[in-house]
């Protein structure tokens, strides 16, 4: 995403929020930083960046309507972000994770509920995902994955 933003001349519009329990759990992102990209690191114990979680930082921002949100991580965190931003006018994409027994759509073990054409249905994370438009997800989409 960051590389694509740079290619389009829009890197300054990107903020990376990254949270881990402790500073020693961070992936070495220093090699991935791009000019103009704002970063916000959070640790639960305060050992790097601000103390708390990225959801705390996002909550402090208030209404983030008009932005684009790309979320990946633990399903509980993404559900919190989904609930927090519901009702806001923003584009959101969630990279879902699920247990996949087969990995190519046969077993339906990774199916999650979504809204399609106003009706509840199921999609497979392994074949229709893993990235989903937030407008199609529901709170139940984040349960059990």
Protein backbone atom coordinates (compact mmCIF):
# COMPACT_ATOMS: atom_id res chain seq x y z
CA UNK A 1 0.00 0.00 0.00
CA UNK A 2 2.75 2.41 0.95
CA UNK A 3 4.69 1.73 -2.25
CA UNK A 4 1.56 2.29 -4.33
CA UNK A 5 0.91 5.59 -2.53
CA UNK A 6 4.49 6.69 -3.33
CA UNK A 7 4.05 5.69 -6.98
CA UNK A 8 0.94 7.88 -7.10
CA UNK A 9 2.71 10.78 -5.36
CA UNK A 10 0.46 10.50 -2.30
CA UNK A 11 2.72 9.02 0.43
CA UNK A 12 2.22 12.07 2.65
CA UNK A 13 -1.44 11.07 2.97
CA UNK A 14 -0.58 7.75 4.63
CA UNK A 15 -0.40 7.13 8.36
CA UNK A 16 0.83 3.78 9.61
CA UNK A 17 -0.51 2.70 13.00
CA UNK A 18 1.38 -0.24 14.45
CA UNK A 19 0.88 -1.82 17.85
CA UNK A 20 2.52 -4.64 19.77
CA UNK A 21 2.47 -5.64 23.42
CA UNK A 22 6.20 -4.81 23.88
CA UNK A 23 8.95 -3.08 21.89
CA UNK A 24 10.78 -6.36 21.21
CA UNK A 25 7.79 -7.73 19.28
CA UNK A 26 7.94 -5.16 16.45
CA UNK A 27 8.78 -6.29 12.95
CA UNK A 28 11.82 -4.28 11.76
CA UNK A 29 9.80 -1.79 9.73
CA UNK A 30 12.64 0.73 9.51
CA UNK A 31 13.52 -0.75 6.11
CA UNK A 32 9.93 -0.19 4.95
CA UNK A 33 9.50 3.46 5.92
CA UNK A 34 8.91 5.79 3.05
CA UNK A 35 9.47 9.55 2.86
CA UNK A 36 6.44 11.47 4.04
CA UNK A 37 4.74 8.52 5.71
CA UNK A 38 3.60 9.32 9.23
CA UNK A 39 4.00 6.49 11.73
CA UNK A 40 2.45 5.94 15.12
CA UNK A 41 3.83 3.13 17.26
CA UNK A 42 1.95 1.91 20.29
CA UNK A 43 2.90 -0.61 22.94
CA UNK A 44 0.69 -1.76 25.76
CA UNK A 45 3.54 -1.32 28.23
CA UNK A 46 4.74 2.02 26.80
CA UNK A 47 8.19 0.69 25.85
CA UNK A 48 7.98 2.12 22.29
CA UNK A 49 5.90 4.98 21.04
CA UNK A 50 2.77 5.83 22.92
CA UNK A 51 1.34 3.65 25.64
CA UNK A 52 -1.84 1.84 24.65
CA UNK A 53 -3.25 0.35 21.48
CA UNK A 54 -3.81 1.73 18.01
CA UNK A 55 -7.53 1.62 18.72
CA UNK A 56 -6.93 4.13 21.54
CA UNK A 57 -5.18 6.47 19.08
CA UNK A 58 -7.94 6.04 16.50
CA UNK A 59 -10.63 6.67 19.12
CA UNK A 60 -8.91 9.97 20.06
CA UNK A 61 -9.13 11.11 16.42
CA UNK A 62 -12.92 11.20 16.63
CA UNK A 63 -14.80 11.24 13.35
CA UNK A 64 -12.44 10.08 10.61
CA UNK A 65 -15.02 10.45 7.83
CA UNK A 66 -13.52 11.10 4.44
CA UNK A 67 -10.52 8.87 5.02
CA UNK A 68 -9.59 5.44 3.75
CA UNK A 69 -8.90 2.80 6.37
CA UNK A 70 -6.93 -0.38 5.74
CA UNK A 71 -6.89 -2.75 8.68
CA UNK A 72 -5.12 -6.01 9.40
CA UNK A 73 -4.38 -7.73 12.66
CA UNK A 74 -6.26 -9.57 15.38
CA UNK A 75 -9.97 -9.97 14.71
CA UNK A 76 -10.88 -8.43 18.08
CA UNK A 77 -8.97 -5.26 17.16
CA UNK A 78 -10.52 -5.09 13.71
CA UNK A 79 -13.99 -5.61 15.18
CA UNK A 80 -13.34 -2.73 17.60
CA UNK A 81 -12.29 -0.52 14.67
CA UNK A 82 -15.33 -1.64 12.66
CA UNK A 83 -17.71 -0.76 15.51
CA UNK A 84 -15.91 2.51 16.26
CA UNK A 85 -16.14 3.69 12.65
CA UNK A 86 -19.63 2.40 11.81
CA UNK A 87 -21.84 5.24 10.74
CA UNK A 88 -18.88 7.27 9.48
CA UNK A 89 -18.49 8.04 5.81
CA UNK A 90 -15.21 6.34 5.02
CA UNK A 91 -13.81 3.69 2.74
CA UNK A 92 -12.52 0.73 4.71
CA UNK A 93 -10.88 -2.55 3.82
CA UNK A 94 -10.22 -5.32 6.32
CA UNK A 95 -7.71 -8.10 5.77
CA UNK A 96 -9.44 -11.03 7.43
CA UNK A 97 -7.78 -14.12 8.81
CA UNK A 98 -9.44 -17.48 9.28
CA UNK A 99 -8.48 -21.07 9.80
CA UNK A 100 -8.29 -22.70 6.42
CA UNK A 101 -8.42 -26.46 6.28
CA UNK A 102 -8.13 -26.73 2.50
CA UNK A 103 -7.11 -23.22 1.38
CA UNK A 104 -8.96 -23.30 -1.94
CA UNK A 105 -12.64 -23.00 -1.06
CA UNK A 106 -13.93 -26.55 -0.90
CA UNK A 107 -14.32 -27.13 2.84
CA UNK A 108 -16.04 -23.80 3.73
CA UNK A 109 -14.08 -23.79 7.00
CA UNK A 110 -13.07 -20.16 6.58
CA UNK A 111 -16.53 -18.78 5.68
CA UNK A 112 -17.62 -15.53 7.31
CA UNK A 113 -21.02 -13.80 7.24
CA UNK A 114 -21.34 -10.66 5.11
CA UNK A 115 -24.09 -8.46 3.66
CA UNK A 116 -24.54 -8.81 -0.09
CA UNK A 117 -27.39 -7.09 -1.93
CA UNK A 118 -29.09 -6.45 1.40
CA UNK A 119 -29.07 -10.09 2.45
CA UNK A 120 -26.88 -12.04 4.83
CA UNK A 121 -24.68 -14.58 3.09
CA UNK A 122 -21.34 -16.29 3.60
CA UNK A 123 -18.07 -15.82 1.73
CA UNK A 124 -14.83 -17.74 1.95
CA UNK A 125 -11.80 -15.87 3.27
CA UNK A 126 -9.47 -18.10 1.23
CA UNK A 127 -11.06 -17.46 -2.17
CA UNK A 128 -13.25 -14.34 -1.99
CA UNK A 129 -10.80 -12.61 0.36
CA UNK A 130 -8.78 -12.19 2.38
CA UNK A 131 -9.43 -8.45 1.94
CA UNK A 132 -13.04 -7.32 2.24
CA UNK A 133 -14.83 -4.02 1.75
CA UNK A 134 -15.97 -2.77 5.16
CA UNK A 135 -19.41 -1.89 3.76
CA UNK A 136 -20.10 -5.60 3.27
CA UNK A 137 -18.98 -6.73 6.71
CA UNK A 138 -21.05 -6.94 9.89
CA UNK A 139 -20.05 -7.31 13.53
CA UNK A 140 -20.64 -11.04 13.11
CA UNK A 141 -18.01 -11.15 10.35
CA UNK A 142 -15.37 -10.83 13.06
CA UNK A 143 -16.70 -13.56 15.37
CA UNK A 144 -14.89 -16.85 15.57
CA UNK A 145 -12.00 -16.07 13.24
